[in-house]
Amino acid sequence: MRKKNNKTKRNLRPFIFISIIALILSVVYSATKTVEYGTPIAPATGQLIETRSVMSSAFYTGKVAEAYRIAAEIPKVIDSQFCYCYCKKNHQHKTLLTCFTNEHGSKCDTCIDEVLYSYELYKQGKTLDEIIVAVDKKFYRPYKPQRL
């Protein structure tokens, strides 16, 4: 009788092993697929435009720390946003995410508010396209060159 049980256990080991691997892979795959994309900014690569890391939120407190934490949590969403403080023209930033790779995001209410609003929409389950349209609608203002 014992031989039969051991033989059955040995026959199940590969099945259990493969099942565990499949479960791990499905969890990893679903964790990486958190944003539904309509038209990504970098469709050929699917990668971020801004490749530098977001600064740690530990350097800041309150609303600023929250914005840095969110930028690190949903970089693909933030990287798809145009920054309406016009830092692209004034500081050669690539996207809204660029603001949070340095101290700029900590000093700019527009950047902070855009990130917080994007996150609200993201939590509501909006698609990337819907988030972009809503942020553009809420934050757009005509560009005025900085005076030196």
Protein backbone atom coordinates (compact mmCIF):
# COMPACT_ATOMS: atom_id res chain seq x y z
CA MET A 1 0.00 0.00 0.00
CA ARG A 2 2.79 2.42 0.83
CA LYS A 3 4.45 1.86 -2.50
CA LYS A 4 1.26 2.83 -4.26
CA ASN A 5 0.95 6.12 -2.27
CA ASN A 6 4.58 7.04 -2.89
CA LYS A 7 4.20 6.28 -6.57
CA THR A 8 1.06 8.45 -6.74
CA LYS A 9 2.84 11.29 -4.92
CA ARG A 10 5.76 11.10 -7.35
CA ASN A 11 3.41 11.21 -10.32
CA LEU A 12 1.77 14.38 -8.97
CA ARG A 13 5.01 16.28 -8.33
CA PRO A 14 5.53 17.48 -11.92
CA PHE A 15 1.88 18.50 -12.15
CA ILE A 16 2.07 20.46 -8.89
CA PHE A 17 5.36 22.08 -9.93
CA ILE A 18 3.96 23.17 -13.30
CA SER A 19 0.77 24.45 -11.66
CA ILE A 20 2.75 26.59 -9.21
CA ILE A 21 4.88 28.04 -12.02
CA ALA A 22 1.74 28.82 -14.05
CA LEU A 23 0.15 30.53 -11.06
CA ILE A 24 3.24 32.67 -10.43
CA LEU A 25 3.45 33.67 -14.09
CA SER A 26 -0.23 34.62 -14.22
CA VAL A 27 0.13 36.79 -11.10
CA VAL A 28 3.21 38.53 -12.51
CA TYR A 29 1.51 39.06 -15.89
CA SER A 30 -1.65 40.54 -14.35
CA ALA A 31 0.40 42.81 -12.08
CA THR A 32 2.23 44.30 -15.06
CA LYS A 33 -1.01 44.90 -16.96
CA THR A 34 -2.55 47.53 -14.70
CA VAL A 35 -3.28 50.22 -17.28
CA GLU A 36 -5.53 49.82 -20.29
CA TYR A 37 -3.95 51.67 -23.19
CA GLY A 38 -5.71 53.38 -26.01
CA THR A 39 -2.86 55.05 -27.90
CA PRO A 40 0.43 54.94 -26.01
CA ILE A 41 2.91 57.73 -26.62
CA ALA A 42 5.69 55.27 -27.56
CA PRO A 43 3.69 52.60 -29.44
CA ALA A 44 6.68 50.95 -31.11
CA THR A 45 8.43 50.10 -27.85
CA GLY A 46 5.73 50.37 -25.21
CA GLN A 47 8.37 51.94 -23.00
CA LEU A 48 8.40 55.16 -21.06
CA ILE A 49 9.47 58.40 -22.73
CA GLU A 50 11.16 59.53 -19.50
CA THR A 51 13.66 56.85 -18.51
CA ARG A 52 15.09 58.41 -15.35
CA SER A 53 13.85 57.22 -11.96
CA VAL A 54 11.33 59.17 -9.93
CA MET A 55 12.84 60.75 -6.82
CA SER A 56 11.92 59.13 -3.53
CA SER A 57 8.85 60.48 -1.80
CA ALA A 58 10.79 60.14 1.48
CA PHE A 59 12.39 63.53 0.79
CA TYR A 60 9.01 65.25 1.07
CA THR A 61 5.87 65.44 3.17
CA GLY A 62 2.15 65.87 2.63
CA LYS A 63 0.74 66.51 -0.83
CA VAL A 64 4.22 66.70 -2.39
CA ALA A 65 5.24 63.29 -1.02
CA GLU A 66 1.95 61.84 -2.26
CA ALA A 67 2.59 63.18 -5.78
CA TYR A 68 6.08 61.63 -5.89
CA ARG A 69 4.71 58.33 -4.56
CA ILE A 70 1.99 58.29 -7.23
CA ALA A 71 4.44 59.19 -10.02
CA ALA A 72 6.53 56.17 -8.99
CA GLU A 73 3.44 53.94 -8.71
CA ILE A 74 1.89 54.71 -12.11
CA PRO A 75 4.76 56.02 -14.26
CA LYS A 76 3.15 54.99 -17.57
CA VAL A 77 0.10 57.13 -16.84
CA ILE A 78 2.13 60.13 -15.65
CA ASP A 79 4.62 59.75 -18.52
CA SER A 80 1.71 60.09 -20.97
CA GLN A 81 0.68 63.49 -19.61
CA PHE A 82 1.65 66.90 -20.95
CA CYS A 83 2.71 69.20 -18.14
CA TYR A 84 0.73 72.43 -18.13
CA CYS A 85 3.34 74.44 -16.26
CA TYR A 86 5.00 74.31 -19.70
CA CYS A 87 8.25 72.94 -18.33
CA LYS A 88 8.75 71.25 -21.71
CA LYS A 89 9.37 74.70 -23.19
CA ASN A 90 10.92 76.32 -20.14
CA HIS A 91 13.07 73.44 -18.80
CA GLN A 92 13.22 70.96 -21.72
CA HIS A 93 11.21 68.34 -19.80
CA LYS A 94 9.93 65.37 -21.81
CA THR A 95 6.65 64.68 -19.97
CA LEU A 96 4.97 65.26 -16.63
CA LEU A 97 6.98 62.34 -15.26
CA THR A 98 10.20 64.30 -15.86
CA CYS A 99 9.07 66.81 -13.22
CA PHE A 100 9.29 64.07 -10.61
CA THR A 101 12.77 62.86 -11.54
CA ASN A 102 14.11 66.01 -9.88
CA GLU A 103 12.94 68.68 -7.43
CA HIS A 104 10.82 70.56 -9.98
CA GLY A 105 7.69 68.58 -9.08
CA SER A 106 8.04 69.54 -5.42
CA LYS A 107 7.90 73.25 -6.19
CA CYS A 108 5.12 73.34 -8.78
CA ASP A 109 1.45 73.20 -7.82
CA THR A 110 0.44 72.54 -11.44
CA CYS A 111 2.62 69.40 -11.63
CA ILE A 112 1.41 68.15 -8.25
CA ASP A 113 -2.25 68.76 -9.03
CA GLU A 114 -2.00 67.05 -12.43
CA VAL A 115 -0.51 63.93 -10.84
CA LEU A 116 -3.12 63.83 -8.07
CA TYR A 117 -5.97 64.30 -10.57
CA SER A 118 -4.54 61.63 -12.89
CA TYR A 119 -4.41 59.23 -9.96
CA GLU A 120 -8.05 59.92 -9.05
CA LEU A 121 -9.08 59.05 -12.60
CA TYR A 122 -6.81 56.00 -12.65
CA LYS A 123 -8.42 54.69 -9.44
CA GLN A 124 -11.85 55.17 -11.05
CA GLY A 125 -10.76 52.75 -13.78
CA LYS A 126 -10.48 55.28 -16.60
CA THR A 127 -8.43 54.30 -19.64
CA LEU A 128 -5.22 56.10 -20.46
CA ASP A 129 -6.95 58.01 -23.27
CA GLU A 130 -9.76 59.11 -20.93
CA ILE A 131 -7.23 60.27 -18.35
CA ILE A 132 -5.28 62.28 -20.93
CA VAL A 133 -8.44 63.98 -22.24
CA ALA A 134 -9.70 64.82 -18.74
CA VAL A 135 -6.34 66.22 -17.60
CA ASP A 136 -6.01 68.28 -20.79
CA LYS A 137 -9.52 69.64 -20.32
CA LYS A 138 -8.96 70.56 -16.67
CA PHE A 139 -5.43 72.00 -16.83
CA TYR A 140 -5.06 73.52 -20.30
CA ARG A 141 -4.15 77.18 -20.38
CA PRO A 142 -2.48 79.14 -23.18
CA TYR A 143 1.30 79.27 -23.07
CA LYS A 144 2.86 82.52 -21.93
CA PRO A 145 6.64 82.76 -22.27
CA GLN A 146 8.57 83.38 -19.06
CA ARG A 147 9.97 86.85 -18.67
CA LEU A 148 13.55 87.06 -17.52
